Structures are given as C-alpha cells and as structure tokens.
Amino acid sequence: ESVREMLTDNANTPITDQTDPVVHLGLDSLDGVLIAATICDKLKFNI
C-alpha cells in the first residue's frame, strides 16, 4: 500500500514479492526512507 502511494505512472503495476521497487517501479533510495516513515506511522512500530 505504501509503495503504491509513492507511484504516479505505475499505479496499476502488479506488486509481488519479487518486485524490485527501483528497477520495476522507478522509485529510489529516498522513496525508501519516506516509505519507512509511512510504515512506522501506519503500523505503529519503530523502524
């Protein structure tokens, strides 16, 4: 869900366990940091 929220052009791209967020979805390392913060907020545990 958090990865999908970061997507603009690839919002309908299937995301599986094998999906590489950089290669397959065009995200970058900074997006990973932002997603970590989002996950912390949503799941209420500290990364």
ModelCIF file with pLDDT and N, C-alpha, C, O atoms, coordinates in Angstrom:
data_MODEL
#
_entry.id   MODEL 
#
_entity.id                         1 
_entity.type                       polymer 
_entity.pdbx_number_of_molecules   1 
#
_entity_poly.entity_id                      1 
_entity_poly.type                           'polypeptide(L)' 
_entity_poly.nstd_linkage                   no 
_entity_poly.nstd_monomer                   no 
_entity_poly.pdbx_seq_one_letter_code       ESVREMLTDNANTPITDQTDPVVHLGLDSLDGVLIAATICDKLKFNI 
_entity_poly.pdbx_seq_one_letter_code_can   ESVREMLTDNANTPITDQTDPVVHLGLDSLDGVLIAATICDKLKFNI 
_entity_poly.pdbx_strand_id                 A 
#
loop_
_entity_poly_seq.entity_id 
_entity_poly_seq.num 
_entity_poly_seq.mon_id 
_entity_poly_seq.hetero 
1 1  GLU n 
1 2  SER n 
1 3  VAL n 
1 4  ARG n 
1 5  GLU n 
1 6  MET n 
1 7  LEU n 
1 8  THR n 
1 9  ASP n 
1 10 ASN n 
1 11 ALA n 
1 12 ASN n 
1 13 THR n 
1 14 PRO n 
1 15 ILE n 
1 16 THR n 
1 17 ASP n 
1 18 GLN n 
1 19 THR n 
1 20 ASP n 
1 21 PRO n 
1 22 VAL n 
1 23 VAL n 
1 24 HIS n 
1 25 LEU n 
1 26 GLY n 
1 27 LEU n 
1 28 ASP n 
1 29 SER n 
1 30 LEU n 
1 31 ASP n 
1 32 GLY n 
1 33 VAL n 
1 34 LEU n 
1 35 ILE n 
1 36 ALA n 
1 37 ALA n 
1 38 THR n 
1 39 ILE n 
1 40 CYS n 
1 41 ASP n 
1 42 LYS n 
1 43 LEU n 
1 44 LYS n 
1 45 PHE n 
1 46 ASN n 
1 47 ILE n 
#
_struct_asym.id          A 
_struct_asym.entity_id   1 
#
loop_
_ma_qa_metric.id 
_ma_qa_metric.mode 
_ma_qa_metric.name 
_ma_qa_metric.software_group_id 
_ma_qa_metric.type 
1 global pLDDT . pLDDT 
2 local  pLDDT . pLDDT 
#
_ma_qa_metric_global.metric_id      1 
_ma_qa_metric_global.metric_value   87.45 
_ma_qa_metric_global.model_id       1 
_ma_qa_metric_global.ordinal_id     1 
#
loop_
_ma_qa_metric_local.label_asym_id 
_ma_qa_metric_local.label_comp_id 
_ma_qa_metric_local.label_seq_id 
_ma_qa_metric_local.metric_id 
_ma_qa_metric_local.metric_value 
_ma_qa_metric_local.model_id 
_ma_qa_metric_local.ordinal_id 
A GLU 1  2 92.00 1 1  
A SER 2  2 92.00 1 2  
A VAL 3  2 92.00 1 3  
A ARG 4  2 91.00 1 4  
A GLU 5  2 89.00 1 5  
A MET 6  2 87.00 1 6  
A LEU 7  2 87.00 1 7  
A THR 8  2 77.00 1 8  
A ASP 9  2 71.00 1 9  
A ASN 10 2 57.00 1 10 
A ALA 11 2 65.00 1 11 
A ASN 12 2 76.00 1 12 
A THR 13 2 81.00 1 13 
A PRO 14 2 89.00 1 14 
A ILE 15 2 93.00 1 15 
A THR 16 2 96.00 1 16 
A ASP 17 2 97.00 1 17 
A GLN 18 2 97.00 1 18 
A THR 19 2 95.00 1 19 
A ASP 20 2 94.00 1 20 
A PRO 21 2 93.00 1 21 
A VAL 22 2 91.00 1 22 
A VAL 23 2 91.00 1 23 
A HIS 24 2 91.00 1 24 
A LEU 25 2 91.00 1 25 
A GLY 26 2 89.00 1 26 
A LEU 27 2 90.00 1 27 
A ASP 28 2 88.00 1 28 
A SER 29 2 82.00 1 29 
A LEU 30 2 87.00 1 30 
A ASP 31 2 89.00 1 31 
A GLY 32 2 87.00 1 32 
A VAL 33 2 87.00 1 33 
A LEU 34 2 90.00 1 34 
A ILE 35 2 89.00 1 35 
A ALA 36 2 88.00 1 36 
A ALA 37 2 90.00 1 37 
A THR 38 2 91.00 1 38 
A ILE 39 2 90.00 1 39 
A CYS 40 2 88.00 1 40 
A ASP 41 2 92.00 1 41 
A LYS 42 2 91.00 1 42 
A LEU 43 2 87.00 1 43 
A LYS 44 2 86.00 1 44 
A PHE 45 2 82.00 1 45 
A ASN 46 2 85.00 1 46 
A ILE 47 2 87.00 1 47 
#
loop_
_atom_site.group_PDB 
_atom_site.id 
_atom_site.type_symbol 
_atom_site.label_atom_id 
_atom_site.label_alt_id 
_atom_site.label_comp_id 
_atom_site.label_asym_id 
_atom_site.label_entity_id 
_atom_site.label_seq_id 
_atom_site.pdbx_PDB_ins_code 
_atom_site.Cartn_x 
_atom_site.Cartn_y 
_atom_site.Cartn_z 
_atom_site.occupancy 
_atom_site.B_iso_or_equiv 
_atom_site.pdbx_formal_charge 
_atom_site.auth_seq_id 
_atom_site.auth_comp_id 
_atom_site.auth_asym_id 
_atom_site.auth_atom_id 
_atom_site.pdbx_PDB_model_num 
ATOM 1   N N  . GLU A 1 1  ? 0.827  -1.206  0.000   1.00 92.00 ? 1  GLU A N  1 
ATOM 2   C CA . GLU A 1 1  ? 0.000  0.000   0.000   1.00 92.00 ? 1  GLU A CA 1 
ATOM 3   C C  . GLU A 1 1  ? 0.866  1.263   0.000   1.00 92.00 ? 1  GLU A C  1 
ATOM 4   O O  . GLU A 1 1  ? 0.584  2.215   -0.727  1.00 92.00 ? 1  GLU A O  1 
ATOM 5   N N  . SER A 1 2  ? 1.913  1.262   0.814   1.00 92.00 ? 2  SER A N  1 
ATOM 6   C CA . SER A 1 2  ? 2.797  2.426   0.917   1.00 92.00 ? 2  SER A CA 1 
ATOM 7   C C  . SER A 1 2  ? 3.578  2.644   -0.371  1.00 92.00 ? 2  SER A C  1 
ATOM 8   O O  . SER A 1 2  ? 3.772  3.782   -0.798  1.00 92.00 ? 2  SER A O  1 
ATOM 9   N N  . VAL A 1 3  ? 4.024  1.563   -0.988  1.00 92.00 ? 3  VAL A N  1 
ATOM 10  C CA . VAL A 1 3  ? 4.723  1.679   -2.275  1.00 92.00 ? 3  VAL A CA 1 
ATOM 11  C C  . VAL A 1 3  ? 3.764  2.235   -3.326  1.00 92.00 ? 3  VAL A C  1 
ATOM 12  O O  . VAL A 1 3  ? 4.138  3.120   -4.096  1.00 92.00 ? 3  VAL A O  1 
ATOM 13  N N  . ARG A 1 4  ? 2.545  1.730   -3.366  1.00 91.00 ? 4  ARG A N  1 
ATOM 14  C CA . ARG A 1 4  ? 1.550  2.227   -4.322  1.00 91.00 ? 4  ARG A CA 1 
ATOM 15  C C  . ARG A 1 4  ? 1.302  3.722   -4.170  1.00 91.00 ? 4  ARG A C  1 
ATOM 16  O O  . ARG A 1 4  ? 1.125  4.437   -5.157  1.00 91.00 ? 4  ARG A O  1 
ATOM 17  N N  . GLU A 1 5  ? 1.290  4.183   -2.930  1.00 89.00 ? 5  GLU A N  1 
ATOM 18  C CA . GLU A 1 5  ? 1.074  5.607   -2.679  1.00 89.00 ? 5  GLU A CA 1 
ATOM 19  C C  . GLU A 1 5  ? 2.188  6.468   -3.268  1.00 89.00 ? 5  GLU A C  1 
ATOM 20  O O  . GLU A 1 5  ? 1.967  7.637   -3.583  1.00 89.00 ? 5  GLU A O  1 
ATOM 21  N N  . MET A 1 6  ? 3.382  5.897   -3.419  1.00 87.00 ? 6  MET A N  1 
ATOM 22  C CA . MET A 1 6  ? 4.519  6.637   -3.982  1.00 87.00 ? 6  MET A CA 1 
ATOM 23  C C  . MET A 1 6  ? 4.502  6.670   -5.506  1.00 87.00 ? 6  MET A C  1 
ATOM 24  O O  . MET A 1 6  ? 5.184  7.489   -6.121  1.00 87.00 ? 6  MET A O  1 
ATOM 25  N N  . LEU A 1 7  ? 3.729  5.785   -6.108  1.00 87.00 ? 7  LEU A N  1 
ATOM 26  C CA . LEU A 1 7  ? 3.733  5.662   -7.563  1.00 87.00 ? 7  LEU A CA 1 
ATOM 27  C C  . LEU A 1 7  ? 2.845  6.714   -8.207  1.00 87.00 ? 7  LEU A C  1 
ATOM 28  O O  . LEU A 1 7  ? 1.817  7.115   -7.662  1.00 87.00 ? 7  LEU A O  1 
ATOM 29  N N  . THR A 1 8  ? 3.275  7.144   -9.375  1.00 77.00 ? 8  THR A N  1 
ATOM 30  C CA . THR A 1 8  ? 2.446  8.055   -10.159 1.00 77.00 ? 8  THR A CA 1 
ATOM 31  C C  . THR A 1 8  ? 2.073  7.368   -11.472 1.00 77.00 ? 8  THR A C  1 
ATOM 32  O O  . THR A 1 8  ? 0.894  7.143   -11.742 1.00 77.00 ? 8  THR A O  1 
ATOM 33  N N  . ASP A 1 9  ? 3.059  7.041   -12.273 1.00 71.00 ? 9  ASP A N  1 
ATOM 34  C CA . ASP A 1 9  ? 2.804  6.453   -13.591 1.00 71.00 ? 9  ASP A CA 1 
ATOM 35  C C  . ASP A 1 9  ? 2.506  4.966   -13.537 1.00 71.00 ? 9  ASP A C  1 
ATOM 36  O O  . ASP A 1 9  ? 1.849  4.439   -14.435 1.00 71.00 ? 9  ASP A O  1 
ATOM 37  N N  . ASN A 1 10 ? 2.970  4.283   -12.509 1.00 57.00 ? 10 ASN A N  1 
ATOM 38  C CA . ASN A 1 10 ? 2.861  2.820   -12.446 1.00 57.00 ? 10 ASN A CA 1 
ATOM 39  C C  . ASN A 1 10 ? 1.840  2.352   -11.422 1.00 57.00 ? 10 ASN A C  1 
ATOM 40  O O  . ASN A 1 10 ? 1.980  1.262   -10.866 1.00 57.00 ? 10 ASN A O  1 
ATOM 41  N N  . ALA A 1 11 ? 0.822  3.153   -11.167 1.00 65.00 ? 11 ALA A N  1 
ATOM 42  C CA . ALA A 1 11 ? -0.124 2.858   -10.095 1.00 65.00 ? 11 ALA A CA 1 
ATOM 43  C C  . ALA A 1 11 ? -0.846 1.526   -10.280 1.00 65.00 ? 11 ALA A C  1 
ATOM 44  O O  . ALA A 1 11 ? -1.293 0.933   -9.297  1.00 65.00 ? 11 ALA A O  1 
ATOM 45  N N  . ASN A 1 12 ? -0.971 1.043   -11.512 1.00 76.00 ? 12 ASN A N  1 
ATOM 46  C CA . ASN A 1 12 ? -1.675 -0.215  -11.756 1.00 76.00 ? 12 ASN A CA 1 
ATOM 47  C C  . ASN A 1 12 ? -0.732 -1.398  -11.937 1.00 76.00 ? 12 ASN A C  1 
ATOM 48  O O  . ASN A 1 12 ? -1.183 -2.512  -12.201 1.00 76.00 ? 12 ASN A O  1 
ATOM 49  N N  . THR A 1 13 ? 0.558  -1.173  -11.801 1.00 81.00 ? 13 THR A N  1 
ATOM 50  C CA . THR A 1 13 ? 1.542  -2.231  -11.949 1.00 81.00 ? 13 THR A CA 1 
ATOM 51  C C  . THR A 1 13 ? 1.386  -3.239  -10.814 1.00 81.00 ? 13 THR A C  1 
ATOM 52  O O  . THR A 1 13 ? 1.326  -2.847  -9.649  1.00 81.00 ? 13 THR A O  1 
ATOM 53  N N  . PRO A 1 14 ? 1.319  -4.528  -11.136 1.00 89.00 ? 14 PRO A N  1 
ATOM 54  C CA . PRO A 1 14 ? 1.240  -5.529  -10.062 1.00 89.00 ? 14 PRO A CA 1 
ATOM 55  C C  . PRO A 1 14 ? 2.502  -5.489  -9.199  1.00 89.00 ? 14 PRO A C  1 
ATOM 56  O O  . PRO A 1 14 ? 3.610  -5.330  -9.710  1.00 89.00 ? 14 PRO A O  1 
ATOM 57  N N  . ILE A 1 15 ? 2.322  -5.632  -7.898  1.00 93.00 ? 15 ILE A N  1 
ATOM 58  C CA . ILE A 1 15 ? 3.450  -5.656  -6.973  1.00 93.00 ? 15 ILE A CA 1 
ATOM 59  C C  . ILE A 1 15 ? 3.453  -7.013  -6.295  1.00 93.00 ? 15 ILE A C  1 
ATOM 60  O O  . ILE A 1 15 ? 2.510  -7.373  -5.590  1.00 93.00 ? 15 ILE A O  1 
ATOM 61  N N  . THR A 1 16 ? 4.533  -7.768  -6.519  1.00 96.00 ? 16 THR A N  1 
ATOM 62  C CA . THR A 1 16 ? 4.687  -9.094  -5.932  1.00 96.00 ? 16 THR A CA 1 
ATOM 63  C C  . THR A 1 16 ? 5.903  -9.079  -5.014  1.00 96.00 ? 16 THR A C  1 
ATOM 64  O O  . THR A 1 16 ? 6.595  -8.067  -4.906  1.00 96.00 ? 16 THR A O  1 
ATOM 65  N N  . ASP A 1 17 ? 6.159  -10.199 -4.359  1.00 97.00 ? 17 ASP A N  1 
ATOM 66  C CA . ASP A 1 17 ? 7.342  -10.295 -3.505  1.00 97.00 ? 17 ASP A CA 1 
ATOM 67  C C  . ASP A 1 17 ? 8.634  -10.141 -4.298  1.00 97.00 ? 17 ASP A C  1 
ATOM 68  O O  . ASP A 1 17 ? 9.663  -9.771  -3.733  1.00 97.00 ? 17 ASP A O  1 
ATOM 69  N N  . GLN A 1 18 ? 8.595  -10.419 -5.602  1.00 97.00 ? 18 GLN A N  1 
ATOM 70  C CA . GLN A 1 18 ? 9.786  -10.322 -6.435  1.00 97.00 ? 18 GLN A CA 1 
ATOM 71  C C  . GLN A 1 18 ? 9.976  -8.937  -7.050  1.00 97.00 ? 18 GLN A C  1 
ATOM 72  O O  . GLN A 1 18 ? 10.986 -8.693  -7.710  1.00 97.00 ? 18 GLN A O  1 
ATOM 73  N N  . THR A 1 19 ? 9.032  -8.038  -6.848  1.00 95.00 ? 19 THR A N  1 
ATOM 74  C CA . THR A 1 19 ? 9.121  -6.704  -7.432  1.00 95.00 ? 19 THR A CA 1 
ATOM 75  C C  . THR A 1 19 ? 10.283 -5.932  -6.816  1.00 95.00 ? 19 THR A C  1 
ATOM 76  O O  . THR A 1 19 ? 10.408 -5.824  -5.596  1.00 95.00 ? 19 THR A O  1 
ATOM 77  N N  . ASP A 1 20 ? 11.121 -5.402  -7.691  1.00 94.00 ? 20 ASP A N  1 
ATOM 78  C CA . ASP A 1 20 ? 12.224 -4.524  -7.288  1.00 94.00 ? 20 ASP A CA 1 
ATOM 79  C C  . ASP A 1 20 ? 11.684 -3.099  -7.391  1.00 94.00 ? 20 ASP A C  1 
ATOM 80  O O  . ASP A 1 20 ? 11.379 -2.645  -8.494  1.00 94.00 ? 20 ASP A O  1 
ATOM 81  N N  . PRO A 1 21 ? 11.557 -2.382  -6.275  1.00 93.00 ? 21 PRO A N  1 
ATOM 82  C CA . PRO A 1 21 ? 10.940 -1.060  -6.332  1.00 93.00 ? 21 PRO A CA 1 
ATOM 83  C C  . PRO A 1 21 ? 11.719 -0.047  -7.168  1.00 93.00 ? 21 PRO A C  1 
ATOM 84  O O  . PRO A 1 21 ? 11.140 0.912   -7.679  1.00 93.00 ? 21 PRO A O  1 
ATOM 85  N N  . VAL A 1 22 ? 13.007 -0.252  -7.307  1.00 91.00 ? 22 VAL A N  1 
ATOM 86  C CA . VAL A 1 22 ? 13.823 0.677   -8.099  1.00 91.00 ? 22 VAL A CA 1 
ATOM 87  C C  . VAL A 1 22 ? 13.725 0.328   -9.585  1.00 91.00 ? 22 VAL A C  1 
ATOM 88  O O  . VAL A 1 22 ? 13.381 1.181   -10.403 1.00 91.00 ? 22 VAL A O  1 
ATOM 89  N N  . VAL A 1 23 ? 14.025 -0.913  -9.928  1.00 91.00 ? 23 VAL A N  1 
ATOM 90  C CA . VAL A 1 23 ? 14.048 -1.327  -11.333 1.00 91.00 ? 23 VAL A CA 1 
ATOM 91  C C  . VAL A 1 23 ? 12.645 -1.390  -11.926 1.00 91.00 ? 23 VAL A C  1 
ATOM 92  O O  . VAL A 1 23 ? 12.403 -0.870  -13.015 1.00 91.00 ? 23 VAL A O  1 
ATOM 93  N N  . HIS A 1 24 ? 11.722 -2.027  -11.209 1.00 91.00 ? 24 HIS A N  1 
ATOM 94  C CA . HIS A 1 24 ? 10.390 -2.254  -11.764 1.00 91.00 ? 24 HIS A CA 1 
ATOM 95  C C  . HIS A 1 24 ? 9.438  -1.073  -11.604 1.00 91.00 ? 24 HIS A C  1 
ATOM 96  O O  . HIS A 1 24 ? 8.524  -0.903  -12.410 1.00 91.00 ? 24 HIS A O  1 
ATOM 97  N N  . LEU A 1 25 ? 9.642  -0.255  -10.572 1.00 91.00 ? 25 LEU A N  1 
ATOM 98  C CA . LEU A 1 25 ? 8.673  0.797   -10.274 1.00 91.00 ? 25 LEU A CA 1 
ATOM 99  C C  . LEU A 1 25 ? 9.232  2.208   -10.382 1.00 91.00 ? 25 LEU A C  1 
ATOM 100 O O  . LEU A 1 25 ? 8.484  3.181   -10.284 1.00 91.00 ? 25 LEU A O  1 
ATOM 101 N N  . GLY A 1 26 ? 10.538 2.329   -10.580 1.00 89.00 ? 26 GLY A N  1 
ATOM 102 C CA . GLY A 1 26 ? 11.138 3.644   -10.767 1.00 89.00 ? 26 GLY A CA 1 
ATOM 103 C C  . GLY A 1 26 ? 11.298 4.453   -9.486  1.00 89.00 ? 26 GLY A C  1 
ATOM 104 O O  . GLY A 1 26 ? 11.477 5.670   -9.542  1.00 89.00 ? 26 GLY A O  1 
ATOM 105 N N  . LEU A 1 27 ? 11.235 3.796   -8.338  1.00 90.00 ? 27 LEU A N  1 
ATOM 106 C CA . LEU A 1 27 ? 11.444 4.502   -7.077  1.00 90.00 ? 27 LEU A CA 1 
ATOM 107 C C  . LEU A 1 27 ? 12.942 4.576   -6.785  1.00 90.00 ? 27 LEU A C  1 
ATOM 108 O O  . LEU A 1 27 ? 13.744 3.918   -7.447  1.00 90.00 ? 27 LEU A O  1 
ATOM 109 N N  . ASP A 1 28 ? 13.309 5.377   -5.795  1.00 88.00 ? 28 ASP A N  1 
ATOM 110 C CA . ASP A 1 28 ? 14.727 5.481   -5.448  1.00 88.00 ? 28 ASP A CA 1 
ATOM 111 C C  . ASP A 1 28 ? 14.923 5.352   -3.944  1.00 88.00 ? 28 ASP A C  1 
ATOM 112 O O  . ASP A 1 28 ? 13.965 5.143   -3.199  1.00 88.00 ? 28 ASP A O  1 
ATOM 113 N N  . SER A 1 29 ? 16.149 5.477   -3.514  1.00 82.00 ? 29 SER A N  1 
ATOM 114 C CA . SER A 1 29 ? 16.505 5.285   -2.113  1.00 82.00 ? 29 SER A CA 1 
ATOM 115 C C  . SER A 1 29 ? 15.758 6.266   -1.206  1.00 82.00 ? 29 SER A C  1 
ATOM 116 O O  . SER A 1 29 ? 15.319 5.887   -0.120  1.00 82.00 ? 29 SER A O  1 
ATOM 117 N N  . LEU A 1 30 ? 15.611 7.504   -1.632  1.00 87.00 ? 30 LEU A N  1 
ATOM 118 C CA . LEU A 1 30 ? 14.876 8.482   -0.834  1.00 87.00 ? 30 LEU A CA 1 
ATOM 119 C C  . LEU A 1 30 ? 13.427 8.045   -0.650  1.00 87.00 ? 30 LEU A C  1 
ATOM 120 O O  . LEU A 1 30 ? 12.856 8.227   0.425   1.00 87.00 ? 30 LEU A O  1 
ATOM 121 N N  . ASP A 1 31 ? 12.834 7.472   -1.684  1.00 89.00 ? 31 ASP A N  1 
ATOM 122 C CA . ASP A 1 31 ? 11.471 6.943   -1.558  1.00 89.00 ? 31 ASP A CA 1 
ATOM 123 C C  . ASP A 1 31 ? 11.419 5.870   -0.472  1.00 89.00 ? 31 ASP A C  1 
ATOM 124 O O  . ASP A 1 31 ? 10.435 5.766   0.260   1.00 89.00 ? 31 ASP A O  1 
ATOM 125 N N  . GLY A 1 32 ? 12.481 5.075   -0.372  1.00 87.00 ? 32 GLY A N  1 
ATOM 126 C CA . GLY A 1 32 ? 12.540 4.042   0.670   1.00 87.00 ? 32 GLY A CA 1 
ATOM 127 C C  . GLY A 1 32 ? 12.493 4.635   2.061   1.00 87.00 ? 32 GLY A C  1 
ATOM 128 O O  . GLY A 1 32 ? 11.844 4.086   2.951   1.00 87.00 ? 32 GLY A O  1 
ATOM 129 N N  . VAL A 1 33 ? 13.175 5.749   2.256   1.00 87.00 ? 33 VAL A N  1 
ATOM 130 C CA . VAL A 1 33 ? 13.161 6.427   3.551   1.00 87.00 ? 33 VAL A CA 1 
ATOM 131 C C  . VAL A 1 33 ? 11.757 6.956   3.844   1.00 87.00 ? 33 VAL A C  1 
ATOM 132 O O  . VAL A 1 33 ? 11.264 6.828   4.965   1.00 87.00 ? 33 VAL A O  1 
ATOM 133 N N  . LEU A 1 34 ? 11.121 7.546   2.846   1.00 90.00 ? 34 LEU A N  1 
ATOM 134 C CA . LEU A 1 34 ? 9.766  8.072   3.026   1.00 90.00 ? 34 LEU A CA 1 
ATOM 135 C C  . LEU A 1 34 ? 8.770  6.946   3.302   1.00 90.00 ? 34 LEU A C  1 
ATOM 136 O O  . LEU A 1 34 ? 7.867  7.097   4.125   1.00 90.00 ? 34 LEU A O  1 
ATOM 137 N N  . ILE A 1 35 ? 8.937  5.834   2.618   1.00 89.00 ? 35 ILE A N  1 
ATOM 138 C CA . ILE A 1 35 ? 8.060  4.682   2.845   1.00 89.00 ? 35 ILE A CA 1 
ATOM 139 C C  . ILE A 1 35 ? 8.264  4.136   4.253   1.00 89.00 ? 35 ILE A C  1 
ATOM 140 O O  . ILE A 1 35 ? 7.300  3.735   4.905   1.00 89.00 ? 35 ILE A O  1 
ATOM 141 N N  . ALA A 1 36 ? 9.496  4.114   4.725   1.00 88.00 ? 36 ALA A N  1 
ATOM 142 C CA . ALA A 1 36 ? 9.763  3.655   6.099   1.00 88.00 ? 36 ALA A CA 1 
ATOM 143 C C  . ALA A 1 36 ? 9.002  4.519   7.097   1.00 88.00 ? 36 ALA A C  1 
ATOM 144 O O  . ALA A 1 36 ? 8.413  3.999   8.044   1.00 88.00 ? 36 ALA A O  1 
ATOM 145 N N  . ALA A 1 37 ? 9.010  5.824   6.894   1.00 90.00 ? 37 ALA A N  1 
ATOM 146 C CA . ALA A 1 37 ? 8.290  6.728   7.792   1.00 90.00 ? 37 ALA A CA 1 
ATOM 147 C C  . ALA A 1 37 ? 6.785  6.470   7.729   1.00 90.00 ? 37 ALA A C  1 
ATOM 148 O O  . ALA A 1 37 ? 6.103  6.482   8.753   1.00 90.00 ? 37 ALA A O  1 
ATOM 149 N N  . THR A 1 38 ? 6.277  6.240   6.531   1.00 91.00 ? 38 THR A N  1 
ATOM 150 C CA . THR A 1 38 ? 4.851  5.947   6.352   1.00 91.00 ? 38 THR A CA 1 
ATOM 151 C C  . THR A 1 38 ? 4.476  4.656   7.061   1.00 91.00 ? 38 THR A C  1 
ATOM 152 O O  . THR A 1 38 ? 3.448  4.590   7.736   1.00 91.00 ? 38 THR A O  1 
ATOM 153 N N  . ILE A 1 39 ? 5.307  3.632   6.910   1.00 90.00 ? 39 ILE A N  1 
ATOM 154 C CA . ILE A 1 39 ? 5.034  2.335   7.546   1.00 90.00 ? 39 ILE A CA 1 
ATOM 155 C C  . ILE A 1 39 ? 5.058  2.475   9.066   1.00 90.00 ? 39 ILE A C  1 
ATOM 156 O O  . ILE A 1 39 ? 4.213  1.898   9.750   1.00 90.00 ? 39 ILE A O  1 
ATOM 157 N N  . CYS A 1 40 ? 6.010  3.231   9.600   1.00 88.00 ? 40 CYS A N  1 
ATOM 158 C CA . CYS A 1 40 ? 6.061  3.474   11.048  1.00 88.00 ? 40 CYS A CA 1 
ATOM 159 C C  . CYS A 1 40 ? 4.750  4.084   11.533  1.00 88.00 ? 40 CYS A C  1 
ATOM 160 O O  . CYS A 1 40 ? 4.201  3.665   12.552  1.00 88.00 ? 40 CYS A O  1 
ATOM 161 N N  . ASP A 1 41 ? 4.257  5.069   10.800  1.00 92.00 ? 41 ASP A N  1 
ATOM 162 C CA . ASP A 1 41 ? 3.007  5.731   11.185  1.00 92.00 ? 41 ASP A CA 1 
ATOM 163 C C  . ASP A 1 41 ? 1.817  4.781   11.109  1.00 92.00 ? 41 ASP A C  1 
ATOM 164 O O  . ASP A 1 41 ? 0.984  4.748   12.015  1.00 92.00 ? 41 ASP A O  1 
ATOM 165 N N  . LYS A 1 42 ? 1.741  4.017   10.036  1.00 91.00 ? 42 LYS A N  1 
ATOM 166 C CA . LYS A 1 42 ? 0.592  3.143   9.827   1.00 91.00 ? 42 LYS A CA 1 
ATOM 167 C C  . LYS A 1 42 ? 0.578  1.953   10.786  1.00 91.00 ? 42 LYS A C  1 
ATOM 168 O O  . LYS A 1 42 ? -0.472 1.599   11.322  1.00 91.00 ? 42 LYS A O  1 
ATOM 169 N N  . LEU A 1 43 ? 1.728  1.343   11.000  1.00 87.00 ? 43 LEU A N  1 
ATOM 170 C CA . LEU A 1 43 ? 1.778  0.117   11.800  1.00 87.00 ? 43 LEU A CA 1 
ATOM 171 C C  . LEU A 1 43 ? 2.144  0.351   13.257  1.00 87.00 ? 43 LEU A C  1 
ATOM 172 O O  . LEU A 1 43 ? 2.077  -0.569  14.072  1.00 87.00 ? 43 LEU A O  1 
ATOM 173 N N  . LYS A 1 44 ? 2.530  1.571   13.587  1.00 86.00 ? 44 LYS A N  1 
ATOM 174 C CA . LYS A 1 44 ? 2.839  1.937   14.967  1.00 86.00 ? 44 LYS A CA 1 
ATOM 175 C C  . LYS A 1 44 ? 3.976  1.112   15.570  1.00 86.00 ? 44 LYS A C  1 
ATOM 176 O O  . LYS A 1 44 ? 3.905  0.670   16.717  1.00 86.00 ? 44 LYS A O  1 
ATOM 177 N N  . PHE A 1 45 ? 5.035  0.913   14.760  1.00 82.00 ? 45 PHE A N  1 
ATOM 178 C CA . PHE A 1 45 ? 6.258  0.352   15.323  1.00 82.00 ? 45 PHE A CA 1 
ATOM 179 C C  . PHE A 1 45 ? 7.444  1.074   14.713  1.00 82.00 ? 45 PHE A C  1 
ATOM 180 O O  . PHE A 1 45 ? 7.351  1.636   13.622  1.00 82.00 ? 45 PHE A O  1 
ATOM 181 N N  . ASN A 1 46 ? 8.554  1.055   15.425  1.00 85.00 ? 46 ASN A N  1 
ATOM 182 C CA . ASN A 1 46 ? 9.707  1.852   15.030  1.00 85.00 ? 46 ASN A CA 1 
ATOM 183 C C  . ASN A 1 46 ? 10.647 1.092   14.110  1.00 85.00 ? 46 ASN A C  1 
ATOM 184 O O  . ASN A 1 46 ? 11.076 -0.023  14.406  1.00 85.00 ? 46 ASN A O  1 
ATOM 185 N N  . ILE A 1 47 ? 10.951 1.721   12.995  1.00 87.00 ? 47 ILE A N  1 
ATOM 186 C CA . ILE A 1 47 ? 11.994 1.240   12.101  1.00 87.00 ? 47 ILE A CA 1 
ATOM 187 C C  . ILE A 1 47 ? 13.223 2.082   12.450  1.00 87.00 ? 47 ILE A C  1 
ATOM 188 O O  . ILE A 1 47 ? 14.283 1.904   11.851  1.00 87.00 ? 47 ILE A O  1 
#
